[in-house]
Amino acid sequence: MAAYVIVDIEVHDAALYDDYRKRVPATIEKYGGKFLVRGGQFEQLEGSWQPTRLVLLEFPSMEQAKRWYDSEEYRALRALRSRTARGSVVLVEGV
C-alpha cells in the first residue's frame, strides 16, 4: 500500500537549501519514491494551517518511506536541511 511523506518547510538559508534540494531526489528514487508536489503554488481553501513550502512524496509502502528517511544517504541530507530550514514532516499510509 502506498505511503506519503508530507512536508511543510520554511527555508531560512536559500543558498544552502538549494544544495539539499539538488541532492535529495536521488535518495528518494533509490527507495522507490517520487515527488508529487515540490513547492508549487497553492491556495488555502479552509482552516488555519498556513504552510510555507509544501512537498509531497509517494513511496510504495510505509516501510520503504521509513527506510529512505532513516537511510545513511538521507541522514546526512536531513542534517543539512535542519541547518537551512525548519518545518514539519508527516508519514501517512494511503488507502
PDB file of N, CA and C in Angstrom:
ATOM      1  N   MET A   1       0.836  -1.170   0.000  1.00  0.00           N
ATOM      2  CA  MET A   1       0.000   0.000   0.000  1.00  0.00           C
ATOM      3  C   MET A   1       0.890   1.246   0.000  1.00  0.00           C
ATOM      4  N   ALA A   2       0.577   2.202  -0.836  1.00  0.00           N
ATOM      5  CA  ALA A   2       1.381   3.419  -0.951  1.00  0.00           C
ATOM      6  C   ALA A   2       1.390   4.203   0.362  1.00  0.00           C
ATOM      7  N   ALA A   3       2.452   4.957   0.543  1.00  0.00           N
ATOM      8  CA  ALA A   3       2.595   5.826   1.717  1.00  0.00           C
ATOM      9  C   ALA A   3       3.084   7.182   1.225  1.00  0.00           C
ATOM     10  N   TYR A   4       2.761   8.198   1.997  1.00  0.00           N
ATOM     11  CA  TYR A   4       3.061   9.566   1.594  1.00  0.00           C
ATOM     12  C   TYR A   4       3.806  10.299   2.695  1.00  0.00           C
ATOM     13  N   VAL A   5       4.818  11.032   2.292  1.00  0.00           N
ATOM     14  CA  VAL A   5       5.547  11.909   3.197  1.00  0.00           C
ATOM     15  C   VAL A   5       5.092  13.320   2.856  1.00  0.00           C
ATOM     16  N   ILE A   6       4.535  14.005   3.848  1.00  0.00           N
ATOM     17  CA  ILE A   6       4.043  15.366   3.671  1.00  0.00           C
ATOM     18  C   ILE A   6       4.955  16.289   4.461  1.00  0.00           C
ATOM     19  N   VAL A   7       5.462  17.306   3.791  1.00  0.00           N
ATOM     20  CA  VAL A   7       6.430  18.215   4.400  1.00  0.00           C
ATOM     21  C   VAL A   7       5.942  19.644   4.245  1.00  0.00           C
ATOM     22  N   ASP A   8       5.999  20.395   5.328  1.00  0.00           N
ATOM     23  CA  ASP A   8       5.766  21.841   5.308  1.00  0.00           C
ATOM     24  C   ASP A   8       7.058  22.460   5.793  1.00  0.00           C
ATOM     25  N   ILE A   9       7.747  23.178   4.925  1.00  0.00           N
ATOM     26  CA  ILE A   9       9.093  23.645   5.235  1.00  0.00           C
ATOM     27  C   ILE A   9       9.206  25.151   5.048  1.00  0.00           C
ATOM     28  N   GLU A  10       9.917  25.785   5.954  1.00  0.00           N
ATOM     29  CA  GLU A  10      10.211  27.210   5.854  1.00  0.00           C
ATOM     30  C   GLU A  10      11.728  27.363   5.733  1.00  0.00           C
ATOM     31  N   VAL A  11      12.167  27.792   4.578  1.00  0.00           N
ATOM     32  CA  VAL A  11      13.593  27.904   4.279  1.00  0.00           C
ATOM     33  C   VAL A  11      14.120  29.236   4.806  1.00  0.00           C
ATOM     34  N   HIS A  12      15.252  29.190   5.533  1.00  0.00           N
ATOM     35  CA  HIS A  12      15.861  30.429   6.011  1.00  0.00           C
ATOM     36  C   HIS A  12      17.288  30.617   5.532  1.00  0.00           C
ATOM     37  N   ASP A  13      17.829  29.660   4.770  1.00  0.00           N
ATOM     38  CA  ASP A  13      19.116  29.815   4.105  1.00  0.00           C
ATOM     39  C   ASP A  13      18.968  29.211   2.713  1.00  0.00           C
ATOM     40  N   ALA A  14      18.504  30.038   1.782  1.00  0.00           N
ATOM     41  CA  ALA A  14      18.154  29.553   0.447  1.00  0.00           C
ATOM     42  C   ALA A  14      19.338  28.946  -0.298  1.00  0.00           C
ATOM     43  N   ALA A  15      20.522  29.521  -0.161  1.00  0.00           N
ATOM     44  CA  ALA A  15      21.688  29.009  -0.882  1.00  0.00           C
ATOM     45  C   ALA A  15      22.046  27.598  -0.440  1.00  0.00           C
ATOM     46  N   LEU A  16      22.103  27.360   0.865  1.00  0.00           N
ATOM     47  CA  LEU A  16      22.415  26.023   1.372  1.00  0.00           C
ATOM     48  C   LEU A  16      21.273  25.046   1.102  1.00  0.00           C
ATOM     49  N   TYR A  17      20.037  25.522   1.236  1.00  0.00           N
ATOM     50  CA  TYR A  17      18.888  24.665   0.981  1.00  0.00           C
ATOM     51  C   TYR A  17      18.878  24.205  -0.475  1.00  0.00           C
ATOM     52  N   ASP A  18      19.351  25.049  -1.382  1.00  0.00           N
ATOM     53  CA  ASP A  18      19.411  24.685  -2.790  1.00  0.00           C
ATOM     54  C   ASP A  18      20.309  23.461  -2.995  1.00  0.00           C
ATOM     55  N   ASP A  19      21.391  23.377  -2.229  1.00  0.00           N
ATOM     56  CA  ASP A  19      22.262  22.203  -2.290  1.00  0.00           C
ATOM     57  C   ASP A  19      21.481  20.959  -1.859  1.00  0.00           C
ATOM     58  N   TYR A  20      20.741  21.062  -0.775  1.00  0.00           N
ATOM     59  CA  TYR A  20      19.893  19.956  -0.301  1.00  0.00           C
ATOM     60  C   TYR A  20      18.901  19.563  -1.399  1.00  0.00           C
ATOM     61  N   ARG A  21      18.225  20.554  -1.956  1.00  0.00           N
ATOM     62  CA  ARG A  21      17.187  20.334  -2.955  1.00  0.00           C
ATOM     63  C   ARG A  21      17.728  19.599  -4.185  1.00  0.00           C
ATOM     64  N   LYS A  22      18.963  19.880  -4.566  1.00  0.00           N
ATOM     65  CA  LYS A  22      19.573  19.229  -5.730  1.00  0.00           C
ATOM     66  C   LYS A  22      19.991  17.793  -5.435  1.00  0.00           C
ATOM     67  N   ARG A  23      20.356  17.511  -4.202  1.00  0.00           N
ATOM     68  CA  ARG A  23      20.903  16.193  -3.858  1.00  0.00           C
ATOM     69  C   ARG A  23      19.858  15.180  -3.395  1.00  0.00           C
ATOM     70  N   VAL A  24      18.710  15.647  -2.924  1.00  0.00           N
ATOM     71  CA  VAL A  24      17.733  14.737  -2.327  1.00  0.00           C
ATOM     72  C   VAL A  24      17.003  13.836  -3.329  1.00  0.00           C
ATOM     73  N   PRO A  25      16.720  14.248  -4.576  1.00  0.00           N
ATOM     74  CA  PRO A  25      15.956  13.367  -5.465  1.00  0.00           C
ATOM     75  C   PRO A  25      16.558  11.983  -5.658  1.00  0.00           C
ATOM     76  N   ALA A  26      17.864  11.890  -5.782  1.00  0.00           N
ATOM     77  CA  ALA A  26      18.499  10.579  -5.978  1.00  0.00           C
ATOM     78  C   ALA A  26      18.239   9.648  -4.801  1.00  0.00           C
ATOM     79  N   THR A  27      18.199  10.193  -3.588  1.00  0.00           N
ATOM     80  CA  THR A  27      17.938   9.345  -2.421  1.00  0.00           C
ATOM     81  C   THR A  27      16.493   8.863  -2.424  1.00  0.00           C
ATOM     82  N   ILE A  28      15.582   9.709  -2.817  1.00  0.00           N
ATOM     83  CA  ILE A  28      14.160   9.344  -2.866  1.00  0.00           C
ATOM     84  C   ILE A  28      13.944   8.244  -3.904  1.00  0.00           C
ATOM     85  N   GLU A  29      14.509   8.436  -5.088  1.00  0.00           N
ATOM     86  CA  GLU A  29      14.357   7.458  -6.166  1.00  0.00           C
ATOM     87  C   GLU A  29      14.942   6.100  -5.783  1.00  0.00           C
ATOM     88  N   LYS A  30      16.064   6.107  -5.058  1.00  0.00           N
ATOM     89  CA  LYS A  30      16.709   4.858  -4.652  1.00  0.00           C
ATOM     90  C   LYS A  30      15.771   3.979  -3.829  1.00  0.00           C
ATOM     91  N   TYR A  31      14.854   4.596  -3.084  1.00  0.00           N
ATOM     92  CA  TYR A  31      13.932   3.847  -2.226  1.00  0.00           C
ATOM     93  C   TYR A  31      12.533   3.741  -2.842  1.00  0.00           C
ATOM     94  N   GLY A  32      12.444   3.982  -4.145  1.00  0.00           N
ATOM     95  CA  GLY A  32      11.180   3.793  -4.855  1.00  0.00           C
ATOM     96  C   GLY A  32      10.217   4.949  -4.736  1.00  0.00           C
ATOM     97  N   GLY A  33      10.681   6.069  -4.227  1.00  0.00           N
ATOM     98  CA  GLY A  33       9.809   7.216  -4.041  1.00  0.00           C
ATOM     99  C   GLY A  33       9.834   8.178  -5.214  1.00  0.00           C
ATOM    100  N   LYS A  34       8.861   9.083  -5.201  1.00  0.00           N
ATOM    101  CA  LYS A  34       8.809  10.124  -6.223  1.00  0.00           C
ATOM    102  C   LYS A  34       8.100  11.350  -5.666  1.00  0.00           C
ATOM    103  N   PHE A  35       8.439  12.489  -6.241  1.00  0.00           N
ATOM    104  CA  PHE A  35       7.775  13.740  -5.873  1.00  0.00           C
ATOM    105  C   PHE A  35       6.415  13.805  -6.543  1.00  0.00           C
ATOM    106  N   LEU A  36       5.398  14.197  -5.784  1.00  0.00           N
ATOM    107  CA  LEU A  36       4.092  14.516  -6.345  1.00  0.00           C
ATOM    108  C   LEU A  36       3.877  16.026  -6.317  1.00  0.00           C
ATOM    109  N   VAL A  37       4.405  16.665  -5.284  1.00  0.00           N
ATOM    110  CA  VAL A  37       4.354  18.119  -5.126  1.00  0.00           C
ATOM    111  C   VAL A  37       5.724  18.553  -4.628  1.00  0.00           C
ATOM    112  N   ARG A  38       6.232  19.635  -5.189  1.00  0.00           N
ATOM    113  CA  ARG A  38       7.546  20.118  -4.757  1.00  0.00           C
ATOM    114  C   ARG A  38       7.565  21.643  -4.746  1.00  0.00           C
ATOM    115  N   GLY A  39       6.866  22.203  -3.763  1.00  0.00           N
ATOM    116  CA  GLY A  39       6.921  23.648  -3.565  1.00  0.00           C
ATOM    117  C   GLY A  39       6.127  24.461  -4.559  1.00  0.00           C
ATOM    118  N   GLY A  40       5.141  23.891  -5.192  1.00  0.00           N
ATOM    119  CA  GLY A  40       4.339  24.624  -6.162  1.00  0.00           C
ATOM    120  C   GLY A  40       3.390  25.620  -5.515  1.00  0.00           C
ATOM    121  N   GLN A  41       2.751  26.369  -6.360  1.00  0.00           N
ATOM    122  CA  GLN A  41       1.767  27.352  -5.901  1.00  0.00           C
ATOM    123  C   GLN A  41       0.568  26.622  -5.289  1.00  0.00           C
ATOM    124  N   PHE A  42       0.010  27.175  -4.227  1.00  0.00           N
ATOM    125  CA  PHE A  42      -1.162  26.570  -3.603  1.00  0.00           C
ATOM    126  C   PHE A  42      -2.137  27.654  -3.169  1.00  0.00           C
ATOM    127  N   GLU A  43      -3.338  27.229  -2.888  1.00  0.00           N
ATOM    128  CA  GLU A  43      -4.386  28.138  -2.422  1.00  0.00           C
ATOM    129  C   GLU A  43      -5.041  27.507  -1.199  1.00  0.00           C
ATOM    130  N   GLN A  44      -5.067  28.228  -0.109  1.00  0.00           N
ATOM    131  CA  GLN A  44      -5.703  27.728   1.110  1.00  0.00           C
ATOM    132  C   GLN A  44      -7.210  27.906   0.977  1.00  0.00           C
ATOM    133  N   LEU A  45      -7.954  26.828   1.121  1.00  0.00           N
ATOM    134  CA  LEU A  45      -9.400  26.873   0.960  1.00  0.00           C
ATOM    135  C   LEU A  45     -10.148  26.908   2.290  1.00  0.00           C
ATOM    136  N   GLU A  46      -9.591  26.259   3.314  1.00  0.00           N
ATOM    137  CA  GLU A  46     -10.237  26.229   4.630  1.00  0.00           C
ATOM    138  C   GLU A  46      -9.188  26.104   5.712  1.00  0.00           C
ATOM    139  N   GLY A  47      -9.587  26.413   6.931  1.00  0.00           N
ATOM    140  CA  GLY A  47      -8.748  26.164   8.096  1.00  0.00           C
ATOM    141  C   GLY A  47      -7.720  27.239   8.364  1.00  0.00           C
ATOM    142  N   SER A  48      -6.906  26.972   9.390  1.00  0.00           N
ATOM    143  CA  SER A  48      -5.927  27.963   9.839  1.00  0.00           C
ATOM    144  C   SER A  48      -4.488  27.577   9.524  1.00  0.00           C
ATOM    145  N   TRP A  49      -4.275  26.397   8.949  1.00  0.00           N
ATOM    146  CA  TRP A  49      -2.928  25.974   8.587  1.00  0.00           C
ATOM    147  C   TRP A  49      -2.405  26.905   7.512  1.00  0.00           C
ATOM    148  N   GLN A  50      -1.210  27.441   7.728  1.00  0.00           N
ATOM    149  CA  GLN A  50      -0.615  28.350   6.759  1.00  0.00           C
ATOM    150  C   GLN A  50       0.764  27.840   6.359  1.00  0.00           C
ATOM    151  N   PRO A  51       0.793  26.857   5.492  1.00  0.00           N
ATOM    152  CA  PRO A  51       2.073  26.288   5.081  1.00  0.00           C
ATOM    153  C   PRO A  51       2.915  27.304   4.316  1.00  0.00           C
ATOM    154  N   THR A  52       4.206  27.072   4.316  1.00  0.00           N
ATOM    155  CA  THR A  52       5.130  27.942   3.610  1.00  0.00           C
ATOM    156  C   THR A  52       5.530  27.313   2.279  1.00  0.00           C
ATOM    157  N   ARG A  53       6.123  26.141   2.342  1.00  0.00           N
ATOM    158  CA  ARG A  53       6.533  25.400   1.142  1.00  0.00           C
ATOM    159  C   ARG A  53       6.104  23.954   1.352  1.00  0.00           C
ATOM    160  N   LEU A  54       5.242  23.449   0.496  1.00  0.00           N
ATOM    161  CA  LEU A  54       4.727  22.093   0.637  1.00  0.00           C
ATOM    162  C   LEU A  54       5.446  21.131  -0.296  1.00  0.00           C
ATOM    163  N   VAL A  55       5.737  19.957   0.247  1.00  0.00           N
ATOM    164  CA  VAL A  55       6.334  18.874  -0.526  1.00  0.00           C
ATOM    165  C   VAL A  55       5.537  17.613  -0.214  1.00  0.00           C
ATOM    166  N   LEU A  56       5.220  16.850  -1.249  1.00  0.00           N
ATOM    167  CA  LEU A  56       4.502  15.588  -1.078  1.00  0.00           C
ATOM    168  C   LEU A  56       5.258  14.513  -1.852  1.00  0.00           C
ATOM    169  N   LEU A  57       5.673  13.477  -1.121  1.00  0.00           N
ATOM    170  CA  LEU A  57       6.392  12.352  -1.712  1.00  0.00           C
ATOM    171  C   LEU A  57       5.519  11.109  -1.632  1.00  0.00           C
ATOM    172  N   GLU A  58       5.632  10.250  -2.638  1.00  0.00           N
ATOM    173  CA  GLU A  58       4.930   8.968  -2.621  1.00  0.00           C
ATOM    174  C   GLU A  58       5.961   7.849  -2.639  1.00  0.00           C
ATOM    175  N   PHE A  59       5.755   6.867  -1.759  1.00  0.00           N
ATOM    176  CA  PHE A  59       6.591   5.670  -1.697  1.00  0.00           C
ATOM    177  C   PHE A  59       5.687   4.451  -1.845  1.00  0.00           C
ATOM    178  N   PRO A  60       6.242   3.316  -2.251  1.00  0.00           N
ATOM    179  CA  PRO A  60       5.438   2.111  -2.410  1.00  0.00           C
ATOM    180  C   PRO A  60       4.807   1.611  -1.105  1.00  0.00           C
ATOM    181  N   SER A  61       5.424   1.933   0.027  1.00  0.00           N
ATOM    182  CA  SER A  61       4.921   1.444   1.316  1.00  0.00           C
ATOM    183  C   SER A  61       5.472   2.304   2.453  1.00  0.00           C
ATOM    184  N   MET A  62       4.891   2.146   3.624  1.00  0.00           N
ATOM    185  CA  MET A  62       5.402   2.822   4.823  1.00  0.00           C
ATOM    186  C   MET A  62       6.835   2.368   5.091  1.00  0.00           C
ATOM    187  N   GLU A  63       7.077   1.083   4.918  1.00  0.00           N
ATOM    188  CA  GLU A  63       8.404   0.547   5.189  1.00  0.00           C
ATOM    189  C   GLU A  63       9.464   1.192   4.299  1.00  0.00           C
ATOM    190  N   GLN A  64       9.156   1.341   2.999  1.00  0.00           N
ATOM    191  CA  GLN A  64      10.115   1.969   2.088  1.00  0.00           C
ATOM    192  C   GLN A  64      10.338   3.435   2.446  1.00  0.00           C
ATOM    193  N   ALA A  65       9.291   4.129   2.814  1.00  0.00           N
ATOM    194  CA  ALA A  65       9.423   5.533   3.207  1.00  0.00           C
ATOM    195  C   ALA A  65      10.309   5.656   4.447  1.00  0.00           C
ATOM    196  N   LYS A  66      10.116   4.761   5.406  1.00  0.00           N
ATOM    197  CA  LYS A  66      10.944   4.784   6.615  1.00  0.00           C
ATOM    198  C   LYS A  66      12.389   4.419   6.302  1.00  0.00           C
ATOM    199  N   ARG A  67      12.572   3.460   5.395  1.00  0.00           N
ATOM    200  CA  ARG A  67      13.948   3.100   5.002  1.00  0.00           C
ATOM    201  C   ARG A  67      14.657   4.312   4.400  1.00  0.00           C
ATOM    202  N   TRP A  68      13.950   5.036   3.536  1.00  0.00           N
ATOM    203  CA  TRP A  68      14.532   6.252   2.957  1.00  0.00           C
ATOM    204  C   TRP A  68      14.859   7.272   4.047  1.00  0.00           C
ATOM    205  N   TYR A  69      13.879   7.577   4.892  1.00  0.00           N
ATOM    206  CA  TYR A  69      14.051   8.616   5.909  1.00  0.00           C
ATOM    207  C   TYR A  69      15.198   8.296   6.863  1.00  0.00           C
ATOM    208  N   ASP A  70      15.357   7.027   7.195  1.00  0.00           N
ATOM    209  CA  ASP A  70      16.403   6.610   8.129  1.00  0.00           C
ATOM    210  C   ASP A  70      17.707   6.195   7.446  1.00  0.00           C
ATOM    211  N   SER A  71      17.754   6.247   6.118  1.00  0.00           N
ATOM    212  CA  SER A  71      18.936   5.791   5.383  1.00  0.00           C
ATOM    213  C   SER A  71      20.149   6.673   5.646  1.00  0.00           C
ATOM    214  N   GLU A  72      21.309   6.081   5.479  1.00  0.00           N
ATOM    215  CA  GLU A  72      22.561   6.816   5.648  1.00  0.00           C
ATOM    216  C   GLU A  72      22.644   7.973   4.649  1.00  0.00           C
ATOM    217  N   GLU A  73      22.195   7.728   3.408  1.00  0.00           N
ATOM    218  CA  GLU A  73      22.244   8.767   2.381  1.00  0.00           C
ATOM    219  C   GLU A  73      21.401   9.974   2.776  1.00  0.00           C
ATOM    220  N   TYR A  74      20.190   9.705   3.258  1.00  0.00           N
ATOM    221  CA  TYR A  74      19.312  10.825   3.585  1.00  0.00           C
ATOM    222  C   TYR A  74      19.648  11.439   4.938  1.00  0.00           C
ATOM    223  N   ARG A  75      20.175  10.667   5.856  1.00  0.00           N
ATOM    224  CA  ARG A  75      20.514  11.189   7.182  1.00  0.00           C
ATOM    225  C   ARG A  75      21.422  12.412   7.073  1.00  0.00           C
ATOM    226  N   ALA A  76      22.420  12.340   6.216  1.00  0.00           N
ATOM    227  CA  ALA A  76      23.340  13.471   6.024  1.00  0.00           C
ATOM    228  C   ALA A  76      22.598  14.667   5.426  1.00  0.00           C
ATOM    229  N   LEU A  77      21.715  14.406   4.486  1.00  0.00           N
ATOM    230  CA  LEU A  77      20.948  15.498   3.878  1.00  0.00           C
ATOM    231  C   LEU A  77      19.932  16.074   4.858  1.00  0.00           C
ATOM    232  N   ARG A  78      19.387  15.221   5.701  1.00  0.00           N
ATOM    233  CA  ARG A  78      18.447  15.692   6.722  1.00  0.00           C
ATOM    234  C   ARG A  78      19.128  16.676   7.656  1.00  0.00           C
ATOM    235  N   ALA A  79      20.376  16.410   7.998  1.00  0.00           N
ATOM    236  CA  ALA A  79      21.137  17.329   8.845  1.00  0.00           C
ATOM    237  C   ALA A  79      21.343  18.661   8.121  1.00  0.00           C
ATOM    238  N   LEU A  80      21.630  18.609   6.828  1.00  0.00           N
ATOM    239  CA  LEU A  80      21.776  19.827   6.036  1.00  0.00           C
ATOM    240  C   LEU A  80      20.465  20.599   6.009  1.00  0.00           C
ATOM    241  N   ARG A  81      19.371  19.895   5.787  1.00  0.00           N
ATOM    242  CA  ARG A  81      18.057  20.546   5.777  1.00  0.00           C
ATOM    243  C   ARG A  81      17.773  21.220   7.113  1.00  0.00           C
ATOM    244  N   SER A  82      18.128  20.576   8.198  1.00  0.00           N
ATOM    245  CA  SER A  82      17.879  21.139   9.528  1.00  0.00           C
ATOM    246  C   SER A  82      18.647  22.433   9.766  1.00  0.00           C
ATOM    247  N   ARG A  83      19.809  22.567   9.115  1.00  0.00           N
ATOM    248  CA  ARG A  83      20.590  23.805   9.246  1.00  0.00           C
ATOM    249  C   ARG A  83      20.045  24.920   8.375  1.00  0.00           C
ATOM    250  N   THR A  84      19.280  24.592   7.348  1.00  0.00           N
ATOM    251  CA  THR A  84      18.856  25.590   6.375  1.00  0.00           C
ATOM    252  C   THR A  84      17.374  25.932   6.429  1.00  0.00           C
ATOM    253  N   ALA A  85      16.600  25.119   7.146  1.00  0.00           N
ATOM    254  CA  ALA A  85      15.148  25.303   7.158  1.00  0.00           C
ATOM    255  C   ALA A  85      14.563  24.665   8.411  1.00  0.00           C
ATOM    256  N   ARG A  86      13.317  24.998   8.679  1.00  0.00           N
ATOM    257  CA  ARG A  86      12.601  24.308   9.755  1.00  0.00           C
ATOM    258  C   ARG A  86      11.217  23.973   9.229  1.00  0.00           C
ATOM    259  N   GLY A  87      10.642  22.935   9.799  1.00  0.00           N
ATOM    260  CA  GLY A  87       9.339  22.536   9.307  1.00  0.00           C
ATOM    261  C   GLY A  87       8.823  21.300   9.988  1.00  0.00           C
ATOM    262  N   SER A  88       7.823  20.719   9.366  1.00  0.00           N
ATOM    263  CA  SER A  88       7.163  19.514   9.871  1.00  0.00           C
ATOM    264  C   SER A  88       7.158  18.454   8.785  1.00  0.00           C
ATOM    265  N   VAL A  89       7.311  17.193   9.214  1.00  0.00           N
ATOM    266  CA  VAL A  89       7.316  16.066   8.291  1.00  0.00           C
ATOM    267  C   VAL A  89       6.362  15.014   8.855  1.00  0.00           C
ATOM    268  N   VAL A  90       5.456  14.538   8.026  1.00  0.00           N
ATOM    269  CA  VAL A  90       4.465  13.544   8.439  1.00  0.00           C
ATOM    270  C   VAL A  90       4.493  12.381   7.446  1.00  0.00           C
ATOM    271  N   LEU A  91       4.419  11.169   7.952  1.00  0.00           N
ATOM    272  CA  LEU A  91       4.313   9.975   7.125  1.00  0.00           C
ATOM    273  C   LEU A  91       2.918   9.410   7.312  1.00  0.00           C
ATOM    274  N   VAL A  92       2.203   9.177   6.205  1.00  0.00           N
ATOM    275  CA  VAL A  92       0.843   8.675   6.296  1.00  0.00           C
ATOM    276  C   VAL A  92       0.637   7.564   5.267  1.00  0.00           C
ATOM    277  N   GLU A  93      -0.084   6.526   5.683  1.00  0.00           N
ATOM    278  CA  GLU A  93      -0.382   5.406   4.797  1.00  0.00           C
ATOM    279  C   GLU A  93      -1.558   5.756   3.907  1.00  0.00           C
ATOM    280  N   GLY A  94      -1.462   5.392   2.630  1.00  0.00           N
ATOM    281  CA  GLY A  94      -2.555   5.626   1.694  1.00  0.00           C
ATOM    282  C   GLY A  94      -3.666   4.601   1.835  1.00  0.00           C
ATOM    283  N   VAL A  95      -4.643   4.699   0.964  1.00  0.00           N
ATOM    284  CA  VAL A  95      -5.762   3.745   1.008  1.00  0.00           C
ATOM    285  C   VAL A  95      -5.705   2.803  -0.165  1.00  0.00           C
TER     286      VAL A  95
END
